[in-house]
C-alpha cells in the first residue's frame, strides 16, 4: 500500500467508485473496479488505494488502480507530451483547426481529427532534407489518449529501414538496412 502524493494544485474527489481529478492542465474521470477502494487521506495530501481481499484478481486490480490514479494525478498536474518527428524530403505537418494534416509522400495528405483534451503543437512544420525532420508534440493530461493519438499518427507512415523516411518518436532509433548491391560490370 504505497500512498500517492497529491500536489497542492490538484484536487481529487471520490464519489462511490468514480475518481475525479482536477488540476491546472485539465480534468479526468475514471471508475474503478469494486475489488479495490480509493480514499483521500492526510487533509488532502495523499491518495490511498486498498483492496478488501488478497486473491489474485484483487491484487491485480490494486496495482492497476494505483497506477491509473497516479497517472491521472500527474497528468492533471503537469500533463504528458510525446515529441515526434517526420523524416523525408518535402514531408511536412500542420494543424488546421481541429485537424492534424501530414504530407508524407502519399497521394493525398493524411488527416487526423484531434480529440478533445489532446493538443498537437508543431515546432518545425517542414522537413529539410534527410537530416532535419519536421517536428511536432502531442500533449494532454490523459496518458492513454496522448499515446493512442501518437501511435495512430505513426501507424499512417511508419519509418522504413532503407532511407529512414516516415514518422518516428523523438529519439527512436531505426535499424537501417543496406540497399541492393549491384554486381560487377561483367554480370548479366
N, C-alpha and C. Protein backbone atom coordinates (compact mmCIF):
# COMPACT_ATOMS: atom_id res chain seq x y z
N UNK A 1 0.85 -1.18 0.00
CA UNK A 1 0.00 0.00 0.00
C UNK A 1 0.89 1.23 0.00
N UNK A 2 1.22 1.73 -1.17
CA UNK A 2 2.07 2.90 -1.32
C UNK A 2 1.17 4.10 -1.61
N UNK A 3 1.10 5.08 -0.71
CA UNK A 3 0.23 6.24 -0.95
C UNK A 3 0.75 7.10 -2.10
N UNK A 4 -0.18 7.76 -2.78
CA UNK A 4 0.16 8.63 -3.91
C UNK A 4 0.19 10.06 -3.39
N UNK A 5 1.32 10.76 -3.46
CA UNK A 5 1.37 12.15 -3.01
C UNK A 5 0.53 13.04 -3.93
N UNK A 6 -0.14 14.00 -3.34
CA UNK A 6 -1.04 14.87 -4.08
C UNK A 6 -0.45 16.28 -4.13
N UNK A 7 -0.12 16.79 -5.33
CA UNK A 7 0.39 18.17 -5.43
C UNK A 7 -0.68 19.16 -4.96
N UNK A 8 -0.24 20.32 -4.52
CA UNK A 8 -1.17 21.30 -3.97
C UNK A 8 -2.14 21.84 -5.02
N UNK A 9 -1.75 21.85 -6.30
CA UNK A 9 -2.61 22.39 -7.35
C UNK A 9 -3.68 21.41 -7.83
N UNK A 10 -3.60 20.15 -7.39
CA UNK A 10 -4.52 19.11 -7.88
C UNK A 10 -5.54 18.78 -6.80
N UNK A 11 -6.81 18.64 -7.24
CA UNK A 11 -7.88 18.27 -6.32
C UNK A 11 -8.46 16.92 -6.75
N UNK A 12 -8.67 16.02 -5.78
CA UNK A 12 -9.24 14.70 -6.04
C UNK A 12 -10.56 14.60 -5.29
N UNK A 13 -11.62 14.21 -6.01
CA UNK A 13 -12.93 13.98 -5.40
C UNK A 13 -13.36 12.55 -5.74
N UNK A 14 -13.85 11.83 -4.72
CA UNK A 14 -14.26 10.44 -4.91
C UNK A 14 -15.73 10.31 -4.57
N UNK A 15 -16.51 9.81 -5.53
CA UNK A 15 -17.95 9.61 -5.36
C UNK A 15 -18.24 8.14 -5.68
N UNK A 16 -18.35 7.32 -4.66
CA UNK A 16 -18.57 5.88 -4.88
C UNK A 16 -17.32 5.27 -5.49
N UNK A 17 -17.46 4.73 -6.71
CA UNK A 17 -16.31 4.15 -7.40
C UNK A 17 -15.73 5.08 -8.45
N UNK A 18 -16.22 6.30 -8.53
CA UNK A 18 -15.74 7.26 -9.52
C UNK A 18 -14.71 8.19 -8.89
N UNK A 19 -13.57 8.31 -9.55
CA UNK A 19 -12.49 9.18 -9.10
C UNK A 19 -12.42 10.36 -10.06
N UNK A 20 -12.55 11.58 -9.55
CA UNK A 20 -12.45 12.80 -10.34
C UNK A 20 -11.19 13.54 -9.93
N UNK A 21 -10.34 13.86 -10.91
CA UNK A 21 -9.10 14.59 -10.65
C UNK A 21 -9.14 15.86 -11.47
N UNK A 22 -8.83 16.98 -10.81
CA UNK A 22 -8.85 18.28 -11.49
C UNK A 22 -7.58 19.03 -11.14
N UNK A 23 -6.94 19.59 -12.16
CA UNK A 23 -5.69 20.32 -11.94
C UNK A 23 -5.53 21.42 -12.96
N UNK A 24 -4.36 22.06 -12.98
CA UNK A 24 -4.14 23.18 -13.90
C UNK A 24 -4.14 22.76 -15.38
N UNK A 25 -3.81 21.51 -15.68
CA UNK A 25 -3.74 21.07 -17.08
C UNK A 25 -5.10 20.59 -17.59
N UNK A 26 -5.93 20.00 -16.71
CA UNK A 26 -7.23 19.51 -17.16
C UNK A 26 -7.96 18.72 -16.10
N UNK A 27 -9.08 18.09 -16.52
CA UNK A 27 -9.91 17.28 -15.63
C UNK A 27 -10.02 15.88 -16.19
N UNK A 28 -9.92 14.86 -15.31
CA UNK A 28 -10.06 13.47 -15.73
C UNK A 28 -11.00 12.75 -14.77
N UNK A 29 -11.76 11.79 -15.31
CA UNK A 29 -12.68 10.98 -14.51
C UNK A 29 -12.47 9.52 -14.87
N UNK A 30 -12.53 8.66 -13.84
CA UNK A 30 -12.36 7.22 -14.07
C UNK A 30 -13.13 6.46 -13.00
N UNK A 31 -13.74 5.34 -13.38
CA UNK A 31 -14.47 4.49 -12.44
C UNK A 31 -13.68 3.21 -12.22
N UNK A 32 -13.35 2.92 -10.95
CA UNK A 32 -12.53 1.74 -10.65
C UNK A 32 -13.40 0.53 -10.36
N UNK A 33 -12.78 -0.63 -10.30
CA UNK A 33 -13.46 -1.90 -10.05
C UNK A 33 -13.84 -2.03 -8.58
N UNK A 34 -14.84 -2.87 -8.25
CA UNK A 34 -15.28 -2.99 -6.85
C UNK A 34 -14.31 -3.75 -5.95
N UNK A 35 -13.29 -4.42 -6.50
CA UNK A 35 -12.33 -5.16 -5.67
C UNK A 35 -11.44 -4.24 -4.84
N UNK A 36 -11.35 -2.97 -5.23
CA UNK A 36 -10.48 -2.02 -4.53
C UNK A 36 -11.27 -0.81 -4.05
N UNK A 37 -10.67 -0.06 -3.12
CA UNK A 37 -11.28 1.19 -2.67
C UNK A 37 -10.22 2.29 -2.74
N UNK A 38 -10.67 3.50 -3.05
CA UNK A 38 -9.77 4.65 -3.17
C UNK A 38 -10.26 5.71 -2.19
N UNK A 39 -9.34 6.31 -1.42
CA UNK A 39 -9.73 7.37 -0.50
C UNK A 39 -8.60 8.39 -0.38
N UNK A 40 -8.99 9.61 0.00
CA UNK A 40 -8.03 10.70 0.21
C UNK A 40 -7.75 10.77 1.70
N UNK A 41 -6.47 10.86 2.06
CA UNK A 41 -6.05 10.90 3.47
C UNK A 41 -5.17 12.11 3.74
N UNK A 42 -4.94 12.35 5.02
CA UNK A 42 -3.98 13.37 5.44
C UNK A 42 -4.35 14.77 5.02
N UNK A 43 -5.57 15.19 5.25
CA UNK A 43 -6.05 16.53 4.88
C UNK A 43 -5.82 16.83 3.39
N UNK A 44 -6.10 15.84 2.56
CA UNK A 44 -5.98 16.03 1.11
C UNK A 44 -4.57 16.03 0.59
N UNK A 45 -3.63 15.41 1.31
CA UNK A 45 -2.23 15.39 0.87
C UNK A 45 -1.84 14.09 0.18
N UNK A 46 -2.57 12.99 0.42
CA UNK A 46 -2.25 11.71 -0.22
C UNK A 46 -3.54 10.99 -0.63
N UNK A 47 -3.40 10.11 -1.63
CA UNK A 47 -4.48 9.24 -2.07
C UNK A 47 -4.03 7.81 -1.80
N UNK A 48 -4.90 7.00 -1.18
CA UNK A 48 -4.57 5.62 -0.83
C UNK A 48 -5.51 4.68 -1.55
N UNK A 49 -4.94 3.63 -2.15
CA UNK A 49 -5.71 2.58 -2.81
C UNK A 49 -5.54 1.31 -1.98
N UNK A 50 -6.67 0.70 -1.59
CA UNK A 50 -6.63 -0.53 -0.78
C UNK A 50 -7.51 -1.59 -1.40
N UNK A 51 -7.19 -2.87 -1.07
CA UNK A 51 -8.01 -3.98 -1.55
C UNK A 51 -8.63 -4.68 -0.35
N UNK A 52 -9.82 -5.27 -0.55
CA UNK A 52 -10.52 -5.94 0.55
C UNK A 52 -9.99 -7.35 0.76
N UNK A 53 -9.77 -8.08 -0.35
CA UNK A 53 -9.30 -9.47 -0.27
C UNK A 53 -7.86 -9.55 -0.77
N UNK A 54 -7.29 -10.76 -0.65
CA UNK A 54 -5.92 -10.95 -1.10
C UNK A 54 -5.86 -11.98 -2.23
N UNK A 55 -6.95 -12.12 -3.00
CA UNK A 55 -6.93 -13.08 -4.11
C UNK A 55 -6.23 -12.44 -5.32
N UNK A 56 -6.02 -13.25 -6.33
CA UNK A 56 -5.24 -12.82 -7.50
C UNK A 56 -5.85 -11.61 -8.21
N UNK A 57 -7.16 -11.63 -8.44
CA UNK A 57 -7.83 -10.53 -9.14
C UNK A 57 -7.73 -9.24 -8.33
N UNK A 58 -7.95 -9.32 -7.04
CA UNK A 58 -7.87 -8.12 -6.19
C UNK A 58 -6.47 -7.52 -6.20
N UNK A 59 -5.45 -8.37 -6.14
CA UNK A 59 -4.07 -7.87 -6.18
C UNK A 59 -3.78 -7.19 -7.52
N UNK A 60 -4.26 -7.80 -8.60
CA UNK A 60 -4.04 -7.22 -9.93
C UNK A 60 -4.76 -5.87 -10.06
N UNK A 61 -6.00 -5.81 -9.61
CA UNK A 61 -6.76 -4.56 -9.69
C UNK A 61 -6.19 -3.49 -8.78
N UNK A 62 -5.59 -3.90 -7.66
CA UNK A 62 -4.97 -2.95 -6.74
C UNK A 62 -3.83 -2.21 -7.43
N UNK A 63 -2.92 -2.96 -8.06
CA UNK A 63 -1.79 -2.34 -8.75
C UNK A 63 -2.22 -1.49 -9.94
N UNK A 64 -3.19 -2.00 -10.69
CA UNK A 64 -3.68 -1.27 -11.86
C UNK A 64 -4.33 0.04 -11.43
N UNK A 65 -5.19 -0.03 -10.43
CA UNK A 65 -5.89 1.16 -9.97
C UNK A 65 -4.92 2.21 -9.43
N UNK A 66 -3.92 1.77 -8.66
CA UNK A 66 -2.95 2.71 -8.12
C UNK A 66 -2.18 3.40 -9.25
N UNK A 67 -1.77 2.63 -10.25
CA UNK A 67 -1.03 3.21 -11.38
C UNK A 67 -1.89 4.21 -12.16
N UNK A 68 -3.14 3.84 -12.42
CA UNK A 68 -4.01 4.72 -13.20
C UNK A 68 -4.33 6.00 -12.45
N UNK A 69 -4.58 5.92 -11.15
CA UNK A 69 -4.86 7.12 -10.36
C UNK A 69 -3.61 8.00 -10.28
N UNK A 70 -2.44 7.39 -10.11
CA UNK A 70 -1.19 8.16 -10.09
C UNK A 70 -0.96 8.86 -11.43
N UNK A 71 -1.25 8.18 -12.54
CA UNK A 71 -1.11 8.79 -13.87
C UNK A 71 -2.11 9.93 -14.06
N UNK A 72 -3.32 9.78 -13.53
CA UNK A 72 -4.31 10.85 -13.62
C UNK A 72 -3.84 12.09 -12.86
N UNK A 73 -3.29 11.88 -11.66
CA UNK A 73 -2.83 13.00 -10.84
C UNK A 73 -1.65 13.70 -11.53
N UNK A 74 -0.69 12.92 -12.02
CA UNK A 74 0.46 13.52 -12.71
C UNK A 74 0.02 14.24 -13.99
N UNK A 75 -0.92 13.65 -14.73
CA UNK A 75 -1.39 14.26 -15.97
C UNK A 75 -2.11 15.58 -15.73
N UNK A 76 -2.92 15.66 -14.67
CA UNK A 76 -3.63 16.90 -14.36
C UNK A 76 -2.70 17.95 -13.78
N UNK A 77 -1.60 17.53 -13.15
CA UNK A 77 -0.65 18.46 -12.56
C UNK A 77 0.30 19.04 -13.62
N UNK A 78 0.94 18.15 -14.41
CA UNK A 78 1.95 18.62 -15.36
C UNK A 78 1.64 18.27 -16.81
N UNK A 79 0.81 17.26 -17.05
CA UNK A 79 0.48 16.85 -18.41
C UNK A 79 1.51 15.89 -18.98
N UNK A 80 1.15 15.28 -20.09
CA UNK A 80 2.04 14.36 -20.79
C UNK A 80 2.31 14.91 -22.18
N UNK A 81 3.51 14.67 -22.68
CA UNK A 81 3.89 15.13 -24.02
C UNK A 81 4.66 14.01 -24.72
N UNK A 82 4.37 13.83 -26.00
CA UNK A 82 5.05 12.81 -26.80
C UNK A 82 5.64 13.51 -28.03
N UNK A 83 6.94 13.89 -27.99
CA UNK A 83 7.55 14.53 -29.16
C UNK A 83 7.74 13.53 -30.30
N UNK A 84 7.47 13.98 -31.52
CA UNK A 84 7.56 13.11 -32.69
C UNK A 84 8.27 13.84 -33.83
N UNK A 85 8.77 13.06 -34.79
CA UNK A 85 9.50 13.60 -35.94
C UNK A 85 9.01 12.94 -37.22
N UNK A 86 9.00 13.70 -38.30
CA UNK A 86 8.63 13.18 -39.62
C UNK A 86 9.80 13.41 -40.56
N UNK A 87 10.47 12.30 -40.95
CA UNK A 87 11.63 12.37 -41.84
C UNK A 87 11.19 12.14 -43.28
N UNK A 88 11.80 12.87 -44.20
CA UNK A 88 11.54 12.69 -45.63
C UNK A 88 11.62 14.03 -46.35
N UNK A 89 12.22 14.05 -47.53
CA UNK A 89 12.37 15.28 -48.29
C UNK A 89 10.99 15.77 -48.72
N UNK A 90 10.66 17.00 -48.36
CA UNK A 90 9.38 17.59 -48.74
C UNK A 90 8.22 17.19 -47.85
N UNK A 91 8.44 16.39 -46.83
CA UNK A 91 7.36 15.99 -45.93
C UNK A 91 7.09 17.14 -44.96
N UNK A 92 5.85 17.27 -44.52
CA UNK A 92 5.52 18.35 -43.61
C UNK A 92 4.26 18.08 -42.82
N UNK A 93 4.06 18.86 -41.76
CA UNK A 93 2.89 18.73 -40.90
C UNK A 93 2.32 20.12 -40.61
N UNK A 94 1.01 20.16 -40.33
CA UNK A 94 0.37 21.39 -39.90
C UNK A 94 -0.93 21.09 -39.18
N UNK A 95 -1.35 22.03 -38.35
CA UNK A 95 -2.62 21.91 -37.63
C UNK A 95 -3.59 22.90 -38.25
N UNK A 96 -4.76 22.39 -38.70
CA UNK A 96 -5.79 23.24 -39.28
C UNK A 96 -7.05 23.09 -38.44
N UNK A 97 -7.25 24.01 -37.49
CA UNK A 97 -8.42 23.92 -36.61
C UNK A 97 -8.31 22.71 -35.71
N UNK A 98 -9.24 21.76 -35.83
CA UNK A 98 -9.23 20.53 -35.03
C UNK A 98 -8.72 19.35 -35.85
N UNK A 99 -7.97 19.62 -36.92
CA UNK A 99 -7.39 18.56 -37.75
C UNK A 99 -5.88 18.70 -37.79
N UNK A 100 -5.22 17.55 -37.78
CA UNK A 100 -3.78 17.47 -37.94
C UNK A 100 -3.54 16.92 -39.33
N UNK A 101 -2.83 17.67 -40.18
CA UNK A 101 -2.61 17.29 -41.58
C UNK A 101 -1.13 17.00 -41.77
N UNK A 102 -0.87 15.83 -42.42
CA UNK A 102 0.51 15.38 -42.61
C UNK A 102 0.72 15.05 -44.09
N UNK A 103 1.68 15.72 -44.72
CA UNK A 103 2.09 15.40 -46.09
C UNK A 103 3.29 14.48 -45.99
N UNK A 104 3.10 13.21 -46.36
CA UNK A 104 4.17 12.24 -46.12
C UNK A 104 4.35 11.29 -47.31
N UNK A 105 4.26 11.82 -48.52
CA UNK A 105 4.54 11.01 -49.69
C UNK A 105 3.39 10.16 -50.18
N UNK A 106 2.22 10.28 -49.59
CA UNK A 106 1.05 9.56 -50.07
C UNK A 106 0.40 10.37 -51.18
N UNK A 107 -0.58 9.80 -51.88
CA UNK A 107 -1.23 10.51 -52.97
C UNK A 107 -2.09 11.67 -52.48
N UNK A 108 -2.40 11.68 -51.19
CA UNK A 108 -3.21 12.74 -50.59
C UNK A 108 -2.69 12.99 -49.17
N UNK A 109 -2.94 14.17 -48.61
CA UNK A 109 -2.49 14.43 -47.23
C UNK A 109 -3.25 13.54 -46.24
N UNK A 110 -2.54 13.05 -45.24
CA UNK A 110 -3.17 12.24 -44.19
C UNK A 110 -3.73 13.20 -43.14
N UNK A 111 -5.03 13.06 -42.83
CA UNK A 111 -5.69 13.95 -41.87
C UNK A 111 -6.13 13.16 -40.66
N UNK A 112 -5.98 13.76 -39.47
CA UNK A 112 -6.38 13.15 -38.21
C UNK A 112 -7.22 14.15 -37.44
N UNK A 113 -8.36 13.70 -36.91
CA UNK A 113 -9.14 14.53 -36.01
C UNK A 113 -8.44 14.58 -34.66
N UNK A 114 -8.29 15.77 -34.10
CA UNK A 114 -7.68 15.92 -32.78
C UNK A 114 -8.81 15.84 -31.75
N UNK A 115 -8.82 14.81 -30.89
CA UNK A 115 -9.91 14.69 -29.91
C UNK A 115 -9.82 15.74 -28.82
N UNK A 116 -10.94 15.94 -28.12
CA UNK A 116 -10.97 16.90 -27.01
C UNK A 116 -10.01 16.43 -25.93
N UNK A 117 -9.29 17.36 -25.33
CA UNK A 117 -8.36 17.03 -24.26
C UNK A 117 -6.95 16.76 -24.75
N UNK A 118 -6.75 16.68 -26.06
CA UNK A 118 -5.42 16.45 -26.63
C UNK A 118 -5.11 17.61 -27.57
N UNK A 119 -3.87 18.07 -27.55
CA UNK A 119 -3.46 19.13 -28.47
C UNK A 119 -2.18 18.70 -29.18
N UNK A 120 -1.99 19.22 -30.38
CA UNK A 120 -0.77 18.94 -31.14
C UNK A 120 -0.13 20.28 -31.46
N UNK A 121 1.15 20.39 -31.11
CA UNK A 121 1.90 21.63 -31.30
C UNK A 121 3.01 21.36 -32.31
N UNK A 122 3.01 22.10 -33.42
CA UNK A 122 4.02 21.92 -34.46
C UNK A 122 5.17 22.87 -34.17
N UNK A 123 6.39 22.32 -34.02
CA UNK A 123 7.56 23.16 -33.75
C UNK A 123 8.34 23.45 -35.03
N UNK A 124 8.52 22.45 -35.91
CA UNK A 124 9.17 22.63 -37.21
C UNK A 124 8.23 22.04 -38.25
N UNK A 125 7.54 22.88 -39.05
CA UNK A 125 6.50 22.36 -39.94
C UNK A 125 6.99 21.58 -41.15
N UNK A 126 8.19 21.86 -41.65
CA UNK A 126 8.64 21.24 -42.90
C UNK A 126 9.97 20.53 -42.69
N UNK A 127 10.09 19.31 -43.26
CA UNK A 127 11.36 18.58 -43.20
C UNK A 127 12.32 19.21 -44.20
N UNK A 128 13.58 19.40 -43.76
CA UNK A 128 14.59 19.99 -44.64
C UNK A 128 15.64 18.93 -44.97
N UNK A 129 15.40 18.19 -46.00
CA UNK A 129 16.34 17.16 -46.40
C UNK A 129 16.26 15.94 -45.50
N UNK A 130 17.29 15.11 -45.54
CA UNK A 130 17.31 13.89 -44.75
C UNK A 130 17.80 14.12 -43.32
N UNK A 131 18.39 15.28 -43.05
CA UNK A 131 18.97 15.49 -41.73
C UNK A 131 18.03 16.20 -40.77
N UNK A 132 17.23 17.14 -41.24
CA UNK A 132 16.33 17.90 -40.36
C UNK A 132 14.88 17.48 -40.61
N UNK A 133 14.25 16.81 -39.62
CA UNK A 133 12.87 16.37 -39.79
C UNK A 133 11.87 17.46 -39.42
N UNK A 134 10.60 17.26 -39.80
CA UNK A 134 9.51 18.08 -39.29
C UNK A 134 9.23 17.58 -37.88
N UNK A 135 9.06 18.51 -36.93
CA UNK A 135 8.88 18.11 -35.53
C UNK A 135 7.54 18.61 -35.01
N UNK A 136 6.89 17.76 -34.18
CA UNK A 136 5.64 18.16 -33.53
C UNK A 136 5.52 17.39 -32.22
N UNK A 137 4.64 17.89 -31.33
CA UNK A 137 4.48 17.31 -29.99
C UNK A 137 3.00 17.08 -29.75
N UNK A 138 2.64 15.86 -29.31
CA UNK A 138 1.27 15.52 -28.91
C UNK A 138 1.21 15.70 -27.40
N UNK A 139 0.27 16.56 -26.92
CA UNK A 139 0.19 16.89 -25.49
C UNK A 139 -1.21 16.67 -24.95
N UNK A 140 -1.29 16.44 -23.62
CA UNK A 140 -2.59 16.32 -22.97
C UNK A 140 -2.45 15.77 -21.56
N UNK A 141 -3.53 15.83 -20.76
CA UNK A 141 -3.47 15.31 -19.40
C UNK A 141 -3.66 13.80 -19.30
N UNK A 142 -4.28 13.19 -20.30
CA UNK A 142 -4.58 11.75 -20.28
C UNK A 142 -3.46 10.99 -20.99
N UNK A 143 -2.70 10.21 -20.22
CA UNK A 143 -1.55 9.48 -20.76
C UNK A 143 -1.97 8.52 -21.87
N UNK A 144 -3.09 7.82 -21.70
CA UNK A 144 -3.55 6.86 -22.69
C UNK A 144 -3.94 7.56 -23.99
N UNK A 145 -4.65 8.68 -23.91
CA UNK A 145 -5.10 9.39 -25.10
C UNK A 145 -3.91 9.95 -25.88
N UNK A 146 -2.91 10.49 -25.18
CA UNK A 146 -1.71 11.02 -25.85
C UNK A 146 -0.98 9.90 -26.58
N UNK A 147 -0.79 8.76 -25.92
CA UNK A 147 -0.12 7.63 -26.55
C UNK A 147 -0.90 7.06 -27.72
N UNK A 148 -2.22 7.02 -27.60
CA UNK A 148 -3.07 6.48 -28.67
C UNK A 148 -2.99 7.35 -29.93
N UNK A 149 -3.09 8.67 -29.78
CA UNK A 149 -3.02 9.57 -30.94
C UNK A 149 -1.63 9.51 -31.57
N UNK A 150 -0.59 9.50 -30.75
CA UNK A 150 0.78 9.40 -31.27
C UNK A 150 0.97 8.10 -32.05
N UNK A 151 0.41 7.02 -31.55
CA UNK A 151 0.51 5.73 -32.21
C UNK A 151 -0.24 5.72 -33.54
N UNK A 152 -1.43 6.33 -33.58
CA UNK A 152 -2.21 6.39 -34.83
C UNK A 152 -1.48 7.19 -35.89
N UNK A 153 -0.86 8.30 -35.48
CA UNK A 153 -0.12 9.13 -36.44
C UNK A 153 1.08 8.36 -36.97
N UNK A 154 1.81 7.67 -36.09
CA UNK A 154 2.98 6.90 -36.51
C UNK A 154 2.59 5.75 -37.43
N UNK A 155 1.44 5.12 -37.16
CA UNK A 155 0.98 3.98 -37.94
C UNK A 155 0.66 4.36 -39.39
N UNK A 156 0.31 5.63 -39.64
CA UNK A 156 -0.02 6.06 -41.00
C UNK A 156 1.19 5.98 -41.93
N UNK A 157 2.37 6.31 -41.41
CA UNK A 157 3.59 6.24 -42.21
C UNK A 157 4.76 5.83 -41.32
N UNK A 158 4.85 4.52 -40.97
CA UNK A 158 5.94 4.09 -40.09
C UNK A 158 7.29 4.24 -40.78
N UNK A 159 8.38 4.40 -40.02
CA UNK A 159 9.68 4.59 -40.64
C UNK A 159 10.13 3.34 -41.38
N UNK A 160 10.64 3.55 -42.58
CA UNK A 160 11.10 2.40 -43.37
C UNK A 160 12.61 2.24 -43.18
N UNK A 161 13.13 1.01 -43.27
CA UNK A 161 14.52 0.74 -42.88
C UNK A 161 15.59 1.13 -43.90
N UNK A 162 15.22 1.48 -45.13
CA UNK A 162 16.24 1.75 -46.15
C UNK A 162 16.69 3.21 -46.16
N UNK A 163 15.75 4.15 -46.22
CA UNK A 163 16.11 5.56 -46.19
C UNK A 163 15.75 6.23 -44.87
N UNK A 164 14.95 5.56 -44.05
CA UNK A 164 14.57 6.11 -42.76
C UNK A 164 13.42 7.09 -42.82
N UNK A 165 12.72 7.17 -43.97
CA UNK A 165 11.62 8.11 -44.11
C UNK A 165 10.40 7.61 -43.33
N UNK A 166 9.64 8.55 -42.77
CA UNK A 166 8.43 8.21 -42.04
C UNK A 166 8.35 8.90 -40.70
N UNK A 167 7.29 8.58 -39.94
CA UNK A 167 7.06 9.19 -38.62
C UNK A 167 7.71 8.32 -37.57
N UNK A 168 8.43 8.96 -36.66
CA UNK A 168 9.01 8.22 -35.53
C UNK A 168 8.94 9.08 -34.28
N UNK A 169 9.00 8.40 -33.14
CA UNK A 169 9.05 9.10 -31.87
C UNK A 169 10.41 9.77 -31.76
N UNK A 170 10.49 10.92 -31.11
CA UNK A 170 11.76 11.62 -30.94
C UNK A 170 12.72 10.72 -30.17
N UNK A 171 13.92 10.57 -30.69
CA UNK A 171 14.93 9.73 -30.04
C UNK A 171 14.85 8.27 -30.42
N UNK A 172 13.85 7.87 -31.22
CA UNK A 172 13.71 6.46 -31.62
C UNK A 172 14.79 6.13 -32.64
N UNK A 173 15.45 5.00 -32.45
CA UNK A 173 16.50 4.56 -33.37
C UNK A 173 15.91 3.55 -34.35
N UNK A 174 16.12 3.76 -35.63
CA UNK A 174 15.65 2.87 -36.68
C UNK A 174 16.85 2.09 -37.21
N UNK A 175 16.74 0.76 -37.19
CA UNK A 175 17.82 -0.06 -37.74
C UNK A 175 17.78 0.06 -39.26
N UNK A 176 18.85 0.55 -39.82
CA UNK A 176 18.91 0.77 -41.26
C UNK A 176 19.46 -0.46 -41.96
N UNK A 177 18.96 -0.71 -43.17
CA UNK A 177 19.42 -1.83 -43.99
C UNK A 177 20.17 -1.28 -45.19
N UNK A 178 21.05 -2.09 -45.71
CA UNK A 178 21.76 -1.72 -46.93
C UNK A 178 20.83 -1.96 -48.12
N UNK A 179 20.95 -1.13 -49.13
CA UNK A 179 20.13 -1.31 -50.33
C UNK A 179 20.65 -2.44 -51.18
N UNK A 180 20.14 -2.56 -52.38
CA UNK A 180 20.59 -3.62 -53.29
C UNK A 180 22.03 -3.38 -53.69
N UNK A 181 22.81 -4.44 -53.69
CA UNK A 181 24.20 -4.35 -54.14
C UNK A 181 24.24 -4.78 -55.59
N UNK A 182 24.83 -3.94 -56.43
CA UNK A 182 24.90 -4.27 -57.86
C UNK A 182 26.14 -5.13 -58.14
N UNK A 183 25.95 -6.06 -59.05
CA UNK A 183 27.06 -6.95 -59.41
C UNK A 183 28.05 -6.17 -60.27
N UNK A 184 29.19 -6.76 -60.55
CA UNK A 184 30.23 -6.11 -61.33
C UNK A 184 29.77 -5.84 -62.77
N UNK A 185 30.62 -5.22 -63.56
CA UNK A 185 30.27 -4.81 -64.93
C UNK A 185 30.05 -6.00 -65.84
N UNK A 186 30.66 -7.16 -65.56
CA UNK A 186 30.55 -8.30 -66.45
C UNK A 186 29.30 -9.14 -66.21
N UNK A 187 28.50 -8.84 -65.22
CA UNK A 187 27.31 -9.66 -64.91
C UNK A 187 26.19 -9.33 -65.89
N UNK A 188 25.41 -10.33 -66.20
CA UNK A 188 24.19 -10.06 -66.92
C UNK A 188 24.18 -10.59 -68.24
